[in-house]
C-alpha atoms as a PDB file:
ATOM      1  CA  UNK A   1       7.937  -7.425  21.132  1.00  0.00           C
ATOM      2  CA  UNK A   2       4.361  -9.181  20.569  1.00  0.00           C
ATOM      3  CA  UNK A   3       2.517  -8.589  17.116  1.00  0.00           C
ATOM      4  CA  UNK A   4      -0.236  -6.306  17.108  1.00  0.00           C
ATOM      5  CA  UNK A   5      -2.400  -9.150  16.244  1.00  0.00           C
ATOM      6  CA  UNK A   6      -2.666 -10.488  19.564  1.00  0.00           C
ATOM      7  CA  UNK A   7      -5.307  -8.053  20.427  1.00  0.00           C
ATOM      8  CA  UNK A   8      -7.518  -8.658  17.825  1.00  0.00           C
ATOM      9  CA  UNK A   9      -8.984 -11.512  20.097  1.00  0.00           C
ATOM     10  CA  UNK A  10      -9.926  -8.818  22.974  1.00  0.00           C
ATOM     11  CA  UNK A  11     -11.683  -6.903  20.207  1.00  0.00           C
ATOM     12  CA  UNK A  12     -13.488  -9.312  18.554  1.00  0.00           C
ATOM     13  CA  UNK A  13     -14.773 -10.710  22.092  1.00  0.00           C
ATOM     14  CA  UNK A  14     -16.170  -7.367  22.859  1.00  0.00           C
ATOM     15  CA  UNK A  15     -17.618  -6.762  19.479  1.00  0.00           C
ATOM     16  CA  UNK A  16     -19.320 -10.001  19.576  1.00  0.00           C
ATOM     17  CA  UNK A  17     -20.814  -9.774  23.071  1.00  0.00           C
ATOM     18  CA  UNK A  18     -22.155  -6.252  22.714  1.00  0.00           C
ATOM     19  CA  UNK A  19     -23.681  -7.349  18.975  1.00  0.00           C
ATOM     20  CA  UNK A  20     -25.249 -10.078  20.542  1.00  0.00           C
ATOM     21  CA  UNK A  21     -26.441  -8.231  23.568  1.00  0.00           C
ATOM     22  CA  UNK A  22     -27.824  -5.522  21.134  1.00  0.00           C
ATOM     23  CA  UNK A  23     -29.556  -8.393  19.188  1.00  0.00           C
ATOM     24  CA  UNK A  24     -31.047 -10.374  21.922  1.00  0.00           C
ATOM     25  CA  UNK A  25     -32.577  -7.239  23.488  1.00  0.00           C
ATOM     26  CA  UNK A  26     -33.410  -5.605  20.123  1.00  0.00           C
ATOM     27  CA  UNK A  27     -32.536  -2.307  21.409  1.00  0.00           C
ATOM     28  CA  UNK A  28     -31.669  -0.883  18.066  1.00  0.00           C
ATOM     29  CA  UNK A  29     -32.806  -1.627  14.526  1.00  0.00           C
ATOM     30  CA  UNK A  30     -30.623  -4.563  13.492  1.00  0.00           C
ATOM     31  CA  UNK A  31     -30.232  -3.420   9.692  1.00  0.00           C
ATOM     32  CA  UNK A  32     -28.881  -0.284  10.898  1.00  0.00           C
ATOM     33  CA  UNK A  33     -26.671  -1.855  13.392  1.00  0.00           C
ATOM     34  CA  UNK A  34     -25.214  -4.059  10.434  1.00  0.00           C
ATOM     35  CA  UNK A  35     -24.924  -1.616   8.032  1.00  0.00           C
ATOM     36  CA  UNK A  36     -23.112   1.102  10.608  1.00  0.00           C
ATOM     37  CA  UNK A  37     -20.866  -1.877  11.785  1.00  0.00           C
ATOM     38  CA  UNK A  38     -19.702  -2.897   8.466  1.00  0.00           C
ATOM     39  CA  UNK A  39     -19.182   1.021   7.392  1.00  0.00           C
ATOM     40  CA  UNK A  40     -17.249   1.257  10.852  1.00  0.00           C
ATOM     41  CA  UNK A  41     -15.001  -1.685   9.838  1.00  0.00           C
ATOM     42  CA  UNK A  42     -14.276  -0.840   6.283  1.00  0.00           C
ATOM     43  CA  UNK A  43     -13.569   2.642   7.135  1.00  0.00           C
ATOM     44  CA  UNK A  44     -10.779   1.258   9.795  1.00  0.00           C
ATOM     45  CA  UNK A  45      -9.492  -1.113   7.457  1.00  0.00           C
ATOM     46  CA  UNK A  46      -8.670   1.112   4.682  1.00  0.00           C
ATOM     47  CA  UNK A  47      -7.444   3.974   6.642  1.00  0.00           C
ATOM     48  CA  UNK A  48      -5.194   1.800   9.124  1.00  0.00           C
ATOM     49  CA  UNK A  49      -1.681   3.170   9.614  1.00  0.00           C
ATOM     50  CA  UNK A  50       0.095   1.005  12.290  1.00  0.00           C
ATOM     51  CA  UNK A  51       3.065   3.092  12.500  1.00  0.00           C
ATOM     52  CA  UNK A  52       1.309   6.434  12.616  1.00  0.00           C
ATOM     53  CA  UNK A  53      -0.804   5.121  15.406  1.00  0.00           C
ATOM     54  CA  UNK A  54       2.297   3.802  17.237  1.00  0.00           C
ATOM     55  CA  UNK A  55       4.231   6.930  16.760  1.00  0.00           C
ATOM     56  CA  UNK A  56       1.708   9.009  18.603  1.00  0.00           C
ATOM     57  CA  UNK A  57       1.358   6.675  21.294  1.00  0.00           C
ATOM     58  CA  UNK A  58       3.228   7.448  24.775  1.00  0.00           C
ATOM     59  CA  UNK A  59       4.906   3.915  24.466  1.00  0.00           C
ATOM     60  CA  UNK A  60       6.879   5.049  21.472  1.00  0.00           C
ATOM     61  CA  UNK A  61       9.885   5.167  23.239  1.00  0.00           C
ATOM     62  CA  UNK A  62       9.867   1.576  24.170  1.00  0.00           C
ATOM     63  CA  UNK A  63       9.752   0.730  20.453  1.00  0.00           C
ATOM     64  CA  UNK A  64      13.410   0.758  19.048  1.00  0.00           C
ATOM     65  CA  UNK A  65      14.457  -0.177  15.363  1.00  0.00           C
ATOM     66  CA  UNK A  66      17.746  -1.155  16.124  1.00  0.00           C
ATOM     67  CA  UNK A  67      17.542  -4.610  15.316  1.00  0.00           C
ATOM     68  CA  UNK A  68      16.463  -3.535  11.879  1.00  0.00           C
ATOM     69  CA  UNK A  69      19.162  -1.134  11.567  1.00  0.00           C
ATOM     70  CA  UNK A  70      21.637  -3.696  12.501  1.00  0.00           C
ATOM     71  CA  UNK A  71      20.476  -6.119   9.855  1.00  0.00           C
ATOM     72  CA  UNK A  72      20.433  -3.656   7.177  1.00  0.00           C
ATOM     73  CA  UNK A  73      24.145  -2.651   8.302  1.00  0.00           C
ATOM     74  CA  UNK A  74      25.313  -6.166   7.896  1.00  0.00           C
ATOM     75  CA  UNK A  75      23.549  -7.155   5.077  1.00  0.00           C
ATOM     76  CA  UNK A  76      24.450  -4.157   3.036  1.00  0.00           C
ATOM     77  CA  UNK A  77      28.461  -5.337   3.315  1.00  0.00           C
ATOM     78  CA  UNK A  78      27.934  -8.997   2.481  1.00  0.00           C
ATOM     79  CA  UNK A  79      24.823 -11.013   1.801  1.00  0.00           C
ATOM     80  CA  UNK A  80      25.530 -13.767   3.879  1.00  0.00           C
ATOM     81  CA  UNK A  81      23.259 -15.722   6.115  1.00  0.00           C
ATOM     82  CA  UNK A  82      25.313 -16.190   9.644  1.00  0.00           C
ATOM     83  CA  UNK A  83      24.019 -15.654  13.229  1.00  0.00           C
ATOM     84  CA  UNK A  84      25.829 -13.034  15.393  1.00  0.00           C
ATOM     85  CA  UNK A  85      24.456 -14.372  18.631  1.00  0.00           C
ATOM     86  CA  UNK A  86      21.349 -12.553  17.840  1.00  0.00           C
ATOM     87  CA  UNK A  87      18.299 -12.582  19.992  1.00  0.00           C
ATOM     88  CA  UNK A  88      14.895 -14.552  18.411  1.00  0.00           C
ATOM     89  CA  UNK A  89      13.679 -11.236  17.446  1.00  0.00           C
ATOM     90  CA  UNK A  90      16.806 -10.250  15.491  1.00  0.00           C
ATOM     91  CA  UNK A  91      17.020 -13.616  13.956  1.00  0.00           C
ATOM     92  CA  UNK A  92      13.758 -13.133  12.180  1.00  0.00           C
ATOM     93  CA  UNK A  93      14.335  -9.329  11.335  1.00  0.00           C
ATOM     94  CA  UNK A  94      17.794 -10.618   9.754  1.00  0.00           C
ATOM     95  CA  UNK A  95      16.400 -13.360   7.896  1.00  0.00           C
ATOM     96  CA  UNK A  96      13.430 -11.415   6.469  1.00  0.00           C
ATOM     97  CA  UNK A  97      15.798  -8.361   5.388  1.00  0.00           C
ATOM     98  CA  UNK A  98      18.212 -10.931   3.918  1.00  0.00           C
ATOM     99  CA  UNK A  99      15.416 -12.087   1.715  1.00  0.00           C
ATOM    100  CA  UNK A 100      14.311  -8.403   0.546  1.00  0.00           C
ATOM    101  CA  UNK A 101      17.649  -7.016   0.517  1.00  0.00           C
ATOM    102  CA  UNK A 102      19.631  -9.800  -1.384  1.00  0.00           C
ATOM    103  CA  UNK A 103      16.688 -10.476  -3.519  1.00  0.00           C
ATOM    104  CA  UNK A 104      16.549 -14.326  -2.109  1.00  0.00           C
ATOM    105  CA  UNK A 105      13.250 -16.578  -1.921  1.00  0.00           C
ATOM    106  CA  UNK A 106      12.068 -18.075   1.161  1.00  0.00           C
ATOM    107  CA  UNK A 107      13.329 -21.374   1.994  1.00  0.00           C
ATOM    108  CA  UNK A 108      11.942 -22.934   5.240  1.00  0.00           C
ATOM    109  CA  UNK A 109      14.874 -25.474   5.519  1.00  0.00           C
ATOM    110  CA  UNK A 110      17.285 -22.302   5.293  1.00  0.00           C
ATOM    111  CA  UNK A 111      15.222 -20.246   7.732  1.00  0.00           C
ATOM    112  CA  UNK A 112      15.101 -23.210  10.487  1.00  0.00           C
ATOM    113  CA  UNK A 113      18.872 -23.768   9.755  1.00  0.00           C
ATOM    114  CA  UNK A 114      19.561 -20.368  10.392  1.00  0.00           C
ATOM    115  CA  UNK A 115      17.108 -19.915  13.187  1.00  0.00           C
ATOM    116  CA  UNK A 116      18.526 -22.814  15.179  1.00  0.00           C
ATOM    117  CA  UNK A 117      21.947 -21.746  14.807  1.00  0.00           C
END
């Protein structure tokens, strides 16, 4: 389950490539290009809803929230940080749900001890 941020490098590459191409060959007015690019970025930034975009995707069946449901179920019974043969993604999800549900503060040494268990 890779994070969506891994795709930002591809977008940045194509964005910079197209921008440098248009700037080099001066096929468009640069002021108009700069303003339109900033406008597009700000509109996308303020209107971005990742869950909505994923829910409307054909790949939604591949994404499950059972790790989250399991960790919430365990933590609602008792707020103890213990590893129940979790996978890597489940460990991360369990720990951050532990912080939120049990109202704990983040502690790197506690996280590493749990994560390596």
